[in-house]
Amino acid sequence: MILPRMKAANLGVLFLIELGALAAVGYWGFTRDVATPLAWFLGLGAPAVLIALWGLFGSPKARYKTRGAVRVGFEVLWFGAGVVALLLAGAYVWGIAFAALCAASKTPAVIWRQ
């Protein structure tokens, strides 16, 4: 009875950390010390790259399905981009917290094959 609820809650958390990774790379782009047009390009372009990669390899309806260790590797890189972006933007506490949240949610997701 409680396991289905935990799985459903974890799916919600997974969705939120997907959005968090996109927000993190956008934040990184907008906080670069570059000319404003380039900051806008990075702030909007970095999340767009992640969205395209997720659409191609990570989404349930992805054109190129990833499974097993390849899937885990893809997600480590994808969510790791969010962590690294926060760290490079100087948001060290947020980066570490985001990494911990990703690990805490992705570990059961792998076990439950979510």
PDB file of N, CA and C in Angstrom:
ATOM      1  N   MET A   1       0.818  -1.194   0.000  1.00  0.00           N
ATOM      2  CA  MET A   1       0.000   0.000   0.000  1.00  0.00           C
ATOM      3  C   MET A   1       0.868   1.268   0.000  1.00  0.00           C
ATOM      4  N   ILE A   2       1.918   1.266   0.812  1.00  0.00           N
ATOM      5  CA  ILE A   2       2.749   2.460   0.892  1.00  0.00           C
ATOM      6  C   ILE A   2       3.744   2.550  -0.276  1.00  0.00           C
ATOM      7  N   LEU A   3       4.190   1.410  -0.807  1.00  0.00           N
ATOM      8  CA  LEU A   3       5.157   1.419  -1.902  1.00  0.00           C
ATOM      9  C   LEU A   3       4.619   2.112  -3.156  1.00  0.00           C
ATOM     10  N   PRO A   4       3.382   1.851  -3.585  1.00  0.00           N
ATOM     11  CA  PRO A   4       2.878   2.589  -4.757  1.00  0.00           C
ATOM     12  C   PRO A   4       2.856   4.100  -4.537  1.00  0.00           C
ATOM     13  N   ARG A   5       2.579   4.528  -3.326  1.00  0.00           N
ATOM     14  CA  ARG A   5       2.581   5.971  -3.041  1.00  0.00           C
ATOM     15  C   ARG A   5       3.994   6.529  -3.072  1.00  0.00           C
ATOM     16  N   MET A   6       4.936   5.752  -2.557  1.00  0.00           N
ATOM     17  CA  MET A   6       6.331   6.195  -2.594  1.00  0.00           C
ATOM     18  C   MET A   6       6.818   6.299  -4.036  1.00  0.00           C
ATOM     19  N   LYS A   7       6.441   5.344  -4.867  1.00  0.00           N
ATOM     20  CA  LYS A   7       6.838   5.385  -6.277  1.00  0.00           C
ATOM     21  C   LYS A   7       6.226   6.595  -6.972  1.00  0.00           C
ATOM     22  N   ALA A   8       4.955   6.864  -6.689  1.00  0.00           N
ATOM     23  CA  ALA A   8       4.294   8.019  -7.301  1.00  0.00           C
ATOM     24  C   ALA A   8       4.940   9.318  -6.834  1.00  0.00           C
ATOM     25  N   ALA A   9       5.249   9.407  -5.559  1.00  0.00           N
ATOM     26  CA  ALA A   9       5.903  10.613  -5.041  1.00  0.00           C
ATOM     27  C   ALA A   9       7.279  10.781  -5.670  1.00  0.00           C
ATOM     28  N   ASN A  10       7.997   9.676  -5.842  1.00  0.00           N
ATOM     29  CA  ASN A  10       9.327   9.765  -6.449  1.00  0.00           C
ATOM     30  C   ASN A  10       9.244  10.230  -7.897  1.00  0.00           C
ATOM     31  N   LEU A  11       8.213   9.809  -8.619  1.00  0.00           N
ATOM     32  CA  LEU A  11       8.045  10.306  -9.995  1.00  0.00           C
ATOM     33  C   LEU A  11       7.878  11.825  -9.998  1.00  0.00           C
ATOM     34  N   GLY A  12       7.148  12.334  -9.033  1.00  0.00           N
ATOM     35  CA  GLY A  12       6.987  13.782  -8.912  1.00  0.00           C
ATOM     36  C   GLY A  12       8.311  14.466  -8.624  1.00  0.00           C
ATOM     37  N   VAL A  13       9.094  13.885  -7.734  1.00  0.00           N
ATOM     38  CA  VAL A  13      10.408  14.443  -7.411  1.00  0.00           C
ATOM     39  C   VAL A  13      11.321  14.384  -8.634  1.00  0.00           C
ATOM     40  N   LEU A  14      11.266  13.284  -9.364  1.00  0.00           N
ATOM     41  CA  LEU A  14      12.080  13.160 -10.576  1.00  0.00           C
ATOM     42  C   LEU A  14      11.760  14.275 -11.565  1.00  0.00           C
ATOM     43  N   PHE A  15      10.487  14.560 -11.737  1.00  0.00           N
ATOM     44  CA  PHE A  15      10.086  15.634 -12.643  1.00  0.00           C
ATOM     45  C   PHE A  15      10.630  16.975 -12.151  1.00  0.00           C
ATOM     46  N   LEU A  16      10.540  17.199 -10.845  1.00  0.00           N
ATOM     47  CA  LEU A  16      11.029  18.462 -10.300  1.00  0.00           C
ATOM     48  C   LEU A  16      12.542  18.603 -10.437  1.00  0.00           C
ATOM     49  N   ILE A  17      13.282  17.495 -10.293  1.00  0.00           N
ATOM     50  CA  ILE A  17      14.729  17.636 -10.466  1.00  0.00           C
ATOM     51  C   ILE A  17      15.104  17.796 -11.938  1.00  0.00           C
ATOM     52  N   GLU A  18      14.267  17.282 -12.839  1.00  0.00           N
ATOM     53  CA  GLU A  18      14.489  17.571 -14.267  1.00  0.00           C
ATOM     54  C   GLU A  18      14.369  19.074 -14.506  1.00  0.00           C
ATOM     55  N   LEU A  19      13.327  19.666 -13.952  1.00  0.00           N
ATOM     56  CA  LEU A  19      13.150  21.114 -14.083  1.00  0.00           C
ATOM     57  C   LEU A  19      14.279  21.860 -13.377  1.00  0.00           C
ATOM     58  N   GLY A  20      14.732  21.321 -12.247  1.00  0.00           N
ATOM     59  CA  GLY A  20      15.829  21.940 -11.513  1.00  0.00           C
ATOM     60  C   GLY A  20      17.116  21.957 -12.312  1.00  0.00           C
ATOM     61  N   ALA A  21      17.397  20.889 -13.030  1.00  0.00           N
ATOM     62  CA  ALA A  21      18.600  20.850 -13.866  1.00  0.00           C
ATOM     63  C   ALA A  21      18.520  21.909 -14.961  1.00  0.00           C
ATOM     64  N   LEU A  22      17.347  22.055 -15.551  1.00  0.00           N
ATOM     65  CA  LEU A  22      17.175  23.079 -16.590  1.00  0.00           C
ATOM     66  C   LEU A  22      17.355  24.482 -16.004  1.00  0.00           C
ATOM     67  N   ALA A  23      16.769  24.699 -14.837  1.00  0.00           N
ATOM     68  CA  ALA A  23      16.909  26.005 -14.180  1.00  0.00           C
ATOM     69  C   ALA A  23      18.366  26.271 -13.816  1.00  0.00           C
ATOM     70  N   ALA A  24      19.072  25.245 -13.374  1.00  0.00           N
ATOM     71  CA  ALA A  24      20.470  25.416 -12.970  1.00  0.00           C
ATOM     72  C   ALA A  24      21.351  25.829 -14.138  1.00  0.00           C
ATOM     73  N   VAL A  25      21.194  25.172 -15.287  1.00  0.00           N
ATOM     74  CA  VAL A  25      22.038  25.551 -16.424  1.00  0.00           C
ATOM     75  C   VAL A  25      21.636  26.920 -16.965  1.00  0.00           C
ATOM     76  N   GLY A  26      20.356  27.256 -16.877  1.00  0.00           N
ATOM     77  CA  GLY A  26      19.930  28.596 -17.259  1.00  0.00           C
ATOM     78  C   GLY A  26      20.535  29.653 -16.333  1.00  0.00           C
ATOM     79  N   TYR A  27      20.502  29.374 -15.041  1.00  0.00           N
ATOM     80  CA  TYR A  27      21.101  30.282 -14.054  1.00  0.00           C
ATOM     81  C   TYR A  27      22.580  30.480 -14.344  1.00  0.00           C
ATOM     82  N   TRP A  28      23.270  29.375 -14.617  1.00  0.00           N
ATOM     83  CA  TRP A  28      24.688  29.468 -14.955  1.00  0.00           C
ATOM     84  C   TRP A  28      24.896  30.409 -16.143  1.00  0.00           C
ATOM     85  N   GLY A  29      24.102  30.225 -17.189  1.00  0.00           N
ATOM     86  CA  GLY A  29      24.266  31.052 -18.388  1.00  0.00           C
ATOM     87  C   GLY A  29      24.026  32.524 -18.131  1.00  0.00           C
ATOM     88  N   PHE A  30      22.980  32.823 -17.370  1.00  0.00           N
ATOM     89  CA  PHE A  30      22.649  34.224 -17.109  1.00  0.00           C
ATOM     90  C   PHE A  30      23.620  34.890 -16.141  1.00  0.00           C
ATOM     91  N   THR A  31      24.370  34.114 -15.373  1.00  0.00           N
ATOM     92  CA  THR A  31      25.295  34.706 -14.403  1.00  0.00           C
ATOM     93  C   THR A  31      26.720  34.825 -14.933  1.00  0.00           C
ATOM     94  N   ARG A  32      26.957  34.469 -16.180  1.00  0.00           N
ATOM     95  CA  ARG A  32      28.299  34.614 -16.749  1.00  0.00           C
ATOM     96  C   ARG A  32      28.623  36.092 -16.886  1.00  0.00           C
ATOM     97  N   ASP A  33      29.875  36.418 -16.680  1.00  0.00           N
ATOM     98  CA  ASP A  33      30.342  37.796 -16.797  1.00  0.00           C
ATOM     99  C   ASP A  33      30.749  38.051 -18.246  1.00  0.00           C
ATOM    100  N   VAL A  34      29.739  38.122 -19.104  1.00  0.00           N
ATOM    101  CA  VAL A  34      29.941  38.339 -20.533  1.00  0.00           C
ATOM    102  C   VAL A  34      28.963  39.427 -20.986  1.00  0.00           C
ATOM    103  N   ALA A  35      29.075  39.812 -22.225  1.00  0.00           N
ATOM    104  CA  ALA A  35      28.156  40.799 -22.773  1.00  0.00           C
ATOM    105  C   ALA A  35      26.717  40.277 -22.656  1.00  0.00           C
ATOM    106  N   THR A  36      25.786  41.182 -22.464  1.00  0.00           N
ATOM    107  CA  THR A  36      24.389  40.803 -22.241  1.00  0.00           C
ATOM    108  C   THR A  36      23.828  39.882 -23.314  1.00  0.00           C
ATOM    109  N   PRO A  37      24.040  40.140 -24.602  1.00  0.00           N
ATOM    110  CA  PRO A  37      23.492  39.212 -25.596  1.00  0.00           C
ATOM    111  C   PRO A  37      24.031  37.787 -25.444  1.00  0.00           C
ATOM    112  N   LEU A  38      25.314  37.676 -25.107  1.00  0.00           N
ATOM    113  CA  LEU A  38      25.894  36.350 -24.923  1.00  0.00           C
ATOM    114  C   LEU A  38      25.339  35.682 -23.663  1.00  0.00           C
ATOM    115  N   ALA A  39      25.126  36.453 -22.609  1.00  0.00           N
ATOM    116  CA  ALA A  39      24.522  35.893 -21.395  1.00  0.00           C
ATOM    117  C   ALA A  39      23.113  35.367 -21.687  1.00  0.00           C
ATOM    118  N   TRP A  40      22.366  36.104 -22.476  1.00  0.00           N
ATOM    119  CA  TRP A  40      21.030  35.637 -22.867  1.00  0.00           C
ATOM    120  C   TRP A  40      21.129  34.364 -23.712  1.00  0.00           C
ATOM    121  N   PHE A  41      22.080  34.339 -24.610  1.00  0.00           N
ATOM    122  CA  PHE A  41      22.278  33.148 -25.448  1.00  0.00           C
ATOM    123  C   PHE A  41      22.615  31.939 -24.581  1.00  0.00           C
ATOM    124  N   LEU A  42      23.535  32.101 -23.633  1.00  0.00           N
ATOM    125  CA  LEU A  42      23.903  30.998 -22.749  1.00  0.00           C
ATOM    126  C   LEU A  42      22.764  30.623 -21.812  1.00  0.00           C
ATOM    127  N   GLY A  43      22.081  31.631 -21.280  1.00  0.00           N
ATOM    128  CA  GLY A  43      20.999  31.386 -20.334  1.00  0.00           C
ATOM    129  C   GLY A  43      19.814  30.672 -20.944  1.00  0.00           C
ATOM    130  N   LEU A  44      19.570  30.909 -22.212  1.00  0.00           N
ATOM    131  CA  LEU A  44      18.466  30.226 -22.902  1.00  0.00           C
ATOM    132  C   LEU A  44      18.950  29.018 -23.707  1.00  0.00           C
ATOM    133  N   GLY A  45      20.174  29.109 -24.205  1.00  0.00           N
ATOM    134  CA  GLY A  45      20.702  28.042 -25.051  1.00  0.00           C
ATOM    135  C   GLY A  45      21.096  26.791 -24.289  1.00  0.00           C
ATOM    136  N   ALA A  46      21.683  26.949 -23.106  1.00  0.00           N
ATOM    137  CA  ALA A  46      22.099  25.771 -22.330  1.00  0.00           C
ATOM    138  C   ALA A  46      20.904  24.893 -21.952  1.00  0.00           C
ATOM    139  N   PRO A  47      19.808  25.471 -21.449  1.00  0.00           N
ATOM    140  CA  PRO A  47      18.639  24.618 -21.189  1.00  0.00           C
ATOM    141  C   PRO A  47      18.067  24.004 -22.472  1.00  0.00           C
ATOM    142  N   ALA A  48      18.141  24.742 -23.569  1.00  0.00           N
ATOM    143  CA  ALA A  48      17.629  24.209 -24.835  1.00  0.00           C
ATOM    144  C   ALA A  48      18.424  22.975 -25.261  1.00  0.00           C
ATOM    145  N   VAL A  49      19.733  23.001 -25.046  1.00  0.00           N
ATOM    146  CA  VAL A  49      20.562  21.829 -25.370  1.00  0.00           C
ATOM    147  C   VAL A  49      20.155  20.644 -24.500  1.00  0.00           C
ATOM    148  N   LEU A  50      19.959  20.883 -23.204  1.00  0.00           N
ATOM    149  CA  LEU A  50      19.537  19.795 -22.317  1.00  0.00           C
ATOM    150  C   LEU A  50      18.163  19.254 -22.717  1.00  0.00           C
ATOM    151  N   ILE A  51      17.255  20.138 -23.089  1.00  0.00           N
ATOM    152  CA  ILE A  51      15.917  19.701 -23.515  1.00  0.00           C
ATOM    153  C   ILE A  51      16.027  18.821 -24.755  1.00  0.00           C
ATOM    154  N   ALA A  52      16.852  19.239 -25.716  1.00  0.00           N
ATOM    155  CA  ALA A  52      17.023  18.441 -26.935  1.00  0.00           C
ATOM    156  C   ALA A  52      17.614  17.070 -26.616  1.00  0.00           C
ATOM    157  N   LEU A  53      18.607  17.027 -25.740  1.00  0.00           N
ATOM    158  CA  LEU A  53      19.205  15.747 -25.358  1.00  0.00           C
ATOM    159  C   LEU A  53      18.193  14.856 -24.644  1.00  0.00           C
ATOM    160  N   TRP A  54      17.396  15.454 -23.771  1.00  0.00           N
ATOM    161  CA  TRP A  54      16.371  14.673 -23.059  1.00  0.00           C
ATOM    162  C   TRP A  54      15.351  14.127 -24.053  1.00  0.00           C
ATOM    163  N   GLY A  55      14.960  14.942 -25.005  1.00  0.00           N
ATOM    164  CA  GLY A  55      14.006  14.488 -26.009  1.00  0.00           C
ATOM    165  C   GLY A  55      14.541  13.357 -26.867  1.00  0.00           C
ATOM    166  N   LEU A  56      15.825  13.401 -27.169  1.00  0.00           N
ATOM    167  CA  LEU A  56      16.425  12.364 -28.008  1.00  0.00           C
ATOM    168  C   LEU A  56      16.741  11.078 -27.249  1.00  0.00           C
ATOM    169  N   PHE A  57      17.196  11.209 -25.996  1.00  0.00           N
ATOM    170  CA  PHE A  57      17.714  10.034 -25.292  1.00  0.00           C
ATOM    171  C   PHE A  57      17.040   9.709 -23.960  1.00  0.00           C
ATOM    172  N   GLY A  58      16.382  10.672 -23.319  1.00  0.00           N
ATOM    173  CA  GLY A  58      15.923  10.448 -21.955  1.00  0.00           C
ATOM    174  C   GLY A  58      14.438  10.307 -21.749  1.00  0.00           C
ATOM    175  N   SER A  59      13.644  10.886 -22.614  1.00  0.00           N
ATOM    176  CA  SER A  59      12.201  10.883 -22.384  1.00  0.00           C
ATOM    177  C   SER A  59      11.608   9.498 -22.657  1.00  0.00           C
ATOM    178  N   PRO A  60      10.426   9.249 -22.098  1.00  0.00           N
ATOM    179  CA  PRO A  60       9.775   7.957 -22.362  1.00  0.00           C
ATOM    180  C   PRO A  60       9.515   7.704 -23.850  1.00  0.00           C
ATOM    181  N   LYS A  61       9.363   8.763 -24.625  1.00  0.00           N
ATOM    182  CA  LYS A  61       9.119   8.618 -26.067  1.00  0.00           C
ATOM    183  C   LYS A  61      10.347   9.035 -26.881  1.00  0.00           C
ATOM    184  N   ALA A  62      11.519   8.815 -26.315  1.00  0.00           N
ATOM    185  CA  ALA A  62      12.767   9.227 -26.969  1.00  0.00           C
ATOM    186  C   ALA A  62      12.966   8.487 -28.284  1.00  0.00           C
ATOM    187  N   ARG A  63      13.547   9.189 -29.230  1.00  0.00           N
ATOM    188  CA  ARG A  63      13.849   8.582 -30.525  1.00  0.00           C
ATOM    189  C   ARG A  63      14.901   7.483 -30.373  1.00  0.00           C
ATOM    190  N   TYR A  64      15.893   7.733 -29.532  1.00  0.00           N
ATOM    191  CA  TYR A  64      16.960   6.759 -29.288  1.00  0.00           C
ATOM    192  C   TYR A  64      16.874   6.314 -27.830  1.00  0.00           C
ATOM    193  N   LYS A  65      16.250   5.198 -27.595  1.00  0.00           N
ATOM    194  CA  LYS A  65      16.043   4.696 -26.235  1.00  0.00           C
ATOM    195  C   LYS A  65      17.373   4.301 -25.602  1.00  0.00           C
ATOM    196  N   THR A  66      17.521   4.639 -24.357  1.00  0.00           N
ATOM    197  CA  THR A  66      18.679   4.203 -23.583  1.00  0.00           C
ATOM    198  C   THR A  66      18.182   3.302 -22.471  1.00  0.00           C
ATOM    199  N   ARG A  67      18.946   2.264 -22.206  1.00  0.00           N
ATOM    200  CA  ARG A  67      18.565   1.295 -21.177  1.00  0.00           C
ATOM    201  C   ARG A  67      19.784   0.880 -20.380  1.00  0.00           C
ATOM    202  N   GLY A  68      19.524   0.367 -19.199  1.00  0.00           N
ATOM    203  CA  GLY A  68      20.584  -0.196 -18.371  1.00  0.00           C
ATOM    204  C   GLY A  68      21.657   0.804 -18.008  1.00  0.00           C
ATOM    205  N   ALA A  69      22.904   0.376 -18.115  1.00  0.00           N
ATOM    206  CA  ALA A  69      24.040   1.203 -17.724  1.00  0.00           C
ATOM    207  C   ALA A  69      24.156   2.456 -18.593  1.00  0.00           C
ATOM    208  N   VAL A  70      23.775   2.346 -19.859  1.00  0.00           N
ATOM    209  CA  VAL A  70      23.829   3.519 -20.742  1.00  0.00           C
ATOM    210  C   VAL A  70      22.848   4.580 -20.253  1.00  0.00           C
ATOM    211  N   ARG A  71      21.669   4.139 -19.838  1.00  0.00           N
ATOM    212  CA  ARG A  71      20.662   5.068 -19.315  1.00  0.00           C
ATOM    213  C   ARG A  71      21.163   5.743 -18.039  1.00  0.00           C
ATOM    214  N   VAL A  72      21.723   4.958 -17.152  1.00  0.00           N
ATOM    215  CA  VAL A  72      22.256   5.511 -15.908  1.00  0.00           C
ATOM    216  C   VAL A  72      23.357   6.520 -16.221  1.00  0.00           C
ATOM    217  N   GLY A  73      24.252   6.176 -17.146  1.00  0.00           N
ATOM    218  CA  GLY A  73      25.317   7.091 -17.532  1.00  0.00           C
ATOM    219  C   GLY A  73      24.786   8.381 -18.129  1.00  0.00           C
ATOM    220  N   PHE A  74      23.785   8.257 -19.000  1.00  0.00           N
ATOM    221  CA  PHE A  74      23.179   9.449 -19.595  1.00  0.00           C
ATOM    222  C   PHE A  74      22.595  10.350 -18.514  1.00  0.00           C
ATOM    223  N   GLU A  75      21.878   9.754 -17.574  1.00  0.00           N
ATOM    224  CA  GLU A  75      21.242  10.562 -16.530  1.00  0.00           C
ATOM    225  C   GLU A  75      22.267  11.162 -15.572  1.00  0.00           C
ATOM    226  N   VAL A  76      23.345  10.459 -15.312  1.00  0.00           N
ATOM    227  CA  VAL A  76      24.406  11.032 -14.479  1.00  0.00           C
ATOM    228  C   VAL A  76      24.975  12.270 -15.168  1.00  0.00           C
ATOM    229  N   LEU A  77      25.217  12.182 -16.463  1.00  0.00           N
ATOM    230  CA  LEU A  77      25.725  13.336 -17.206  1.00  0.00           C
ATOM    231  C   LEU A  77      24.696  14.456 -17.279  1.00  0.00           C
ATOM    232  N   TRP A  78      23.434  14.101 -17.522  1.00  0.00           N
ATOM    233  CA  TRP A  78      22.388  15.110 -17.693  1.00  0.00           C
ATOM    234  C   TRP A  78      22.140  15.862 -16.389  1.00  0.00           C
ATOM    235  N   PHE A  79      21.908  15.115 -15.306  1.00  0.00           N
ATOM    236  CA  PHE A  79      21.672  15.771 -14.022  1.00  0.00           C
ATOM    237  C   PHE A  79      22.971  16.360 -13.472  1.00  0.00           C
ATOM    238  N   GLY A  80      24.090  15.728 -13.791  1.00  0.00           N
ATOM    239  CA  GLY A  80      25.382  16.265 -13.394  1.00  0.00           C
ATOM    240  C   GLY A  80      25.641  17.626 -14.010  1.00  0.00           C
ATOM    241  N   ALA A  81      25.096  17.861 -15.194  1.00  0.00           N
ATOM    242  CA  ALA A  81      25.232  19.180 -15.817  1.00  0.00           C
ATOM    243  C   ALA A  81      24.594  20.250 -14.941  1.00  0.00           C
ATOM    244  N   GLY A  82      23.473  19.926 -14.334  1.00  0.00           N
ATOM    245  CA  GLY A  82      22.824  20.868 -13.423  1.00  0.00           C
ATOM    246  C   GLY A  82      23.674  21.129 -12.192  1.00  0.00           C
ATOM    247  N   VAL A  83      24.249  20.076 -11.640  1.00  0.00           N
ATOM    248  CA  VAL A  83      25.105  20.211 -10.461  1.00  0.00           C
ATOM    249  C   VAL A  83      26.332  21.047 -10.798  1.00  0.00           C
ATOM    250  N   VAL A  84      26.992  20.714 -11.888  1.00  0.00           N
ATOM    251  CA  VAL A  84      28.201  21.438 -12.293  1.00  0.00           C
ATOM    252  C   VAL A  84      27.869  22.892 -12.600  1.00  0.00           C
ATOM    253  N   ALA A  85      26.741  23.143 -13.232  1.00  0.00           N
ATOM    254  CA  ALA A  85      26.344  24.518 -13.547  1.00  0.00           C
ATOM    255  C   ALA A  85      26.198  25.343 -12.271  1.00  0.00           C
ATOM    256  N   LEU A  86      25.566  24.768 -11.260  1.00  0.00           N
ATOM    257  CA  LEU A  86      25.416  25.495  -9.997  1.00  0.00           C
ATOM    258  C   LEU A  86      26.771  25.756  -9.350  1.00  0.00           C
ATOM    259  N   LEU A  87      27.643  24.766  -9.382  1.00  0.00           N
ATOM    260  CA  LEU A  87      28.964  24.946  -8.790  1.00  0.00           C
ATOM    261  C   LEU A  87      29.762  26.012  -9.541  1.00  0.00           C
ATOM    262  N   LEU A  88      29.703  25.988 -10.880  1.00  0.00           N
ATOM    263  CA  LEU A  88      30.425  26.993 -11.668  1.00  0.00           C
ATOM    264  C   LEU A  88      29.849  28.394 -11.486  1.00  0.00           C
ATOM    265  N   ALA A  89      28.559  28.473 -11.175  1.00  0.00           N
ATOM    266  CA  ALA A  89      27.929  29.772 -10.935  1.00  0.00           C
ATOM    267  C   ALA A  89      28.215  30.285  -9.531  1.00  0.00           C
ATOM    268  N   GLY A  90      28.904  29.471  -8.727  1.00  0.00           N
ATOM    269  CA  GLY A  90      29.250  29.897  -7.374  1.00  0.00           C
ATOM    270  C   GLY A  90      28.217  29.535  -6.327  1.00  0.00           C
ATOM    271  N   ALA A  91      27.183  28.821  -6.706  1.00  0.00           N
ATOM    272  CA  ALA A  91      26.123  28.409  -5.775  1.00  0.00           C
ATOM    273  C   ALA A  91      26.482  27.030  -5.214  1.00  0.00           C
ATOM    274  N   TYR A  92      27.535  26.988  -4.402  1.00  0.00           N
ATOM    275  CA  TYR A  92      28.085  25.718  -3.932  1.00  0.00           C
ATOM    276  C   TYR A  92      27.111  24.929  -3.071  1.00  0.00           C
ATOM    277  N   VAL A  93      26.446  25.600  -2.147  1.00  0.00           N
ATOM    278  CA  VAL A  93      25.494  24.897  -1.271  1.00  0.00           C
ATOM    279  C   VAL A  93      24.344  24.339  -2.091  1.00  0.00           C
ATOM    280  N   TRP A  94      23.836  25.126  -3.037  1.00  0.00           N
ATOM    281  CA  TRP A  94      22.744  24.655  -3.892  1.00  0.00           C
ATOM    282  C   TRP A  94      23.202  23.493  -4.769  1.00  0.00           C
ATOM    283  N   GLY A  95      24.423  23.566  -5.265  1.00  0.00           N
ATOM    284  CA  GLY A  95      24.952  22.492  -6.095  1.00  0.00           C
ATOM    285  C   GLY A  95      25.066  21.187  -5.332  1.00  0.00           C
ATOM    286  N   ILE A  96      25.577  21.263  -4.119  1.00  0.00           N
ATOM    287  CA  ILE A  96      25.705  20.057  -3.292  1.00  0.00           C
ATOM    288  C   ILE A  96      24.329  19.530  -2.906  1.00  0.00           C
ATOM    289  N   ALA A  97      23.414  20.430  -2.556  1.00  0.00           N
ATOM    290  CA  ALA A  97      22.055  20.001  -2.199  1.00  0.00           C
ATOM    291  C   ALA A  97      21.356  19.361  -3.396  1.00  0.00           C
ATOM    292  N   PHE A  98      21.557  19.928  -4.573  1.00  0.00           N
ATOM    293  CA  PHE A  98      20.932  19.366  -5.771  1.00  0.00           C
ATOM    294  C   PHE A  98      21.510  17.988  -6.085  1.00  0.00           C
ATOM    295  N   ALA A  99      22.813  17.832  -5.916  1.00  0.00           N
ATOM    296  CA  ALA A  99      23.445  16.527  -6.140  1.00  0.00           C
ATOM    297  C   ALA A  99      22.883  15.491  -5.171  1.00  0.00           C
ATOM    298  N   ALA A 100      22.725  15.869  -3.911  1.00  0.00           N
ATOM    299  CA  ALA A 100      22.183  14.943  -2.915  1.00  0.00           C
ATOM    300  C   ALA A 100      20.738  14.568  -3.241  1.00  0.00           C
ATOM    301  N   LEU A 101      19.940  15.545  -3.669  1.00  0.00           N
ATOM    302  CA  LEU A 101      18.554  15.268  -4.027  1.00  0.00           C
ATOM    303  C   LEU A 101      18.478  14.349  -5.239  1.00  0.00           C
ATOM    304  N   CYS A 102      19.320  14.591  -6.223  1.00  0.00           N
ATOM    305  CA  CYS A 102      19.351  13.720  -7.404  1.00  0.00           C
ATOM    306  C   CYS A 102      19.697  12.291  -7.011  1.00  0.00           C
ATOM    307  N   ALA A 103      20.711  12.126  -6.187  1.00  0.00           N
ATOM    308  CA  ALA A 103      21.115  10.784  -5.762  1.00  0.00           C
ATOM    309  C   ALA A 103      20.018  10.114  -4.950  1.00  0.00           C
ATOM    310  N   ALA A 104      19.376  10.882  -4.072  1.00  0.00           N
ATOM    311  CA  ALA A 104      18.324  10.316  -3.217  1.00  0.00           C
ATOM    312  C   ALA A 104      17.094   9.911  -4.018  1.00  0.00           C
ATOM    313  N   SER A 105      16.843  10.559  -5.128  1.00  0.00           N
ATOM    314  CA  SER A 105      15.674  10.231  -5.937  1.00  0.00           C
ATOM    315  C   SER A 105      15.998   9.235  -7.047  1.00  0.00           C
ATOM    316  N   LYS A 106      17.159   9.364  -7.649  1.00  0.00           N
ATOM    317  CA  LYS A 106      17.502   8.480  -8.768  1.00  0.00           C
ATOM    318  C   LYS A 106      17.845   7.061  -8.313  1.00  0.00           C
ATOM    319  N   THR A 107      18.385   6.913  -7.112  1.00  0.00           N
ATOM    320  CA  THR A 107      18.726   5.572  -6.629  1.00  0.00           C
ATOM    321  C   THR A 107      17.498   4.672  -6.552  1.00  0.00           C
ATOM    322  N   PRO A 108      16.423   5.085  -5.857  1.00  0.00           N
ATOM    323  CA  PRO A 108      15.237   4.215  -5.874  1.00  0.00           C
ATOM    324  C   PRO A 108      14.603   4.123  -7.260  1.00  0.00           C
ATOM    325  N   ALA A 109      14.736   5.184  -8.072  1.00  0.00           N
ATOM    326  CA  ALA A 109      14.167   5.132  -9.422  1.00  0.00           C
ATOM    327  C   ALA A 109      14.821   4.033 -10.249  1.00  0.00           C
ATOM    328  N   VAL A 110      16.112   3.864 -10.089  1.00  0.00           N
ATOM    329  CA  VAL A 110      16.821   2.794 -10.805  1.00  0.00           C
ATOM    330  C   VAL A 110      16.345   1.425 -10.292  1.00  0.00           C
ATOM    331  N   ILE A 111      16.244   1.330  -8.985  1.00  0.00           N
ATOM    332  CA  ILE A 111      15.802   0.060  -8.384  1.00  0.00           C
ATOM    333  C   ILE A 111      14.377  -0.287  -8.824  1.00  0.00           C
ATOM    334  N   TRP A 112      13.514   0.739  -8.835  1.00  0.00           N
ATOM    335  CA  TRP A 112      12.090   0.533  -9.207  1.00  0.00           C
ATOM    336  C   TRP A 112      11.870   0.595 -10.706  1.00  0.00           C
ATOM    337  N   ARG A 113      12.910   0.839 -11.479  1.00  0.00           N
ATOM    338  CA  ARG A 113      12.827   0.949 -12.949  1.00  0.00           C
ATOM    339  C   ARG A 113      11.829   2.015 -13.390  1.00  0.00           C
ATOM    340  N   GLN A 114      11.973   3.174 -12.795  1.00  0.00           N
ATOM    341  CA  GLN A 114      11.088   4.289 -13.139  1.00  0.00           C
ATOM    342  C   GLN A 114      11.698   5.086 -14.258  1.00  0.00           C
TER     343      GLN A 114
END
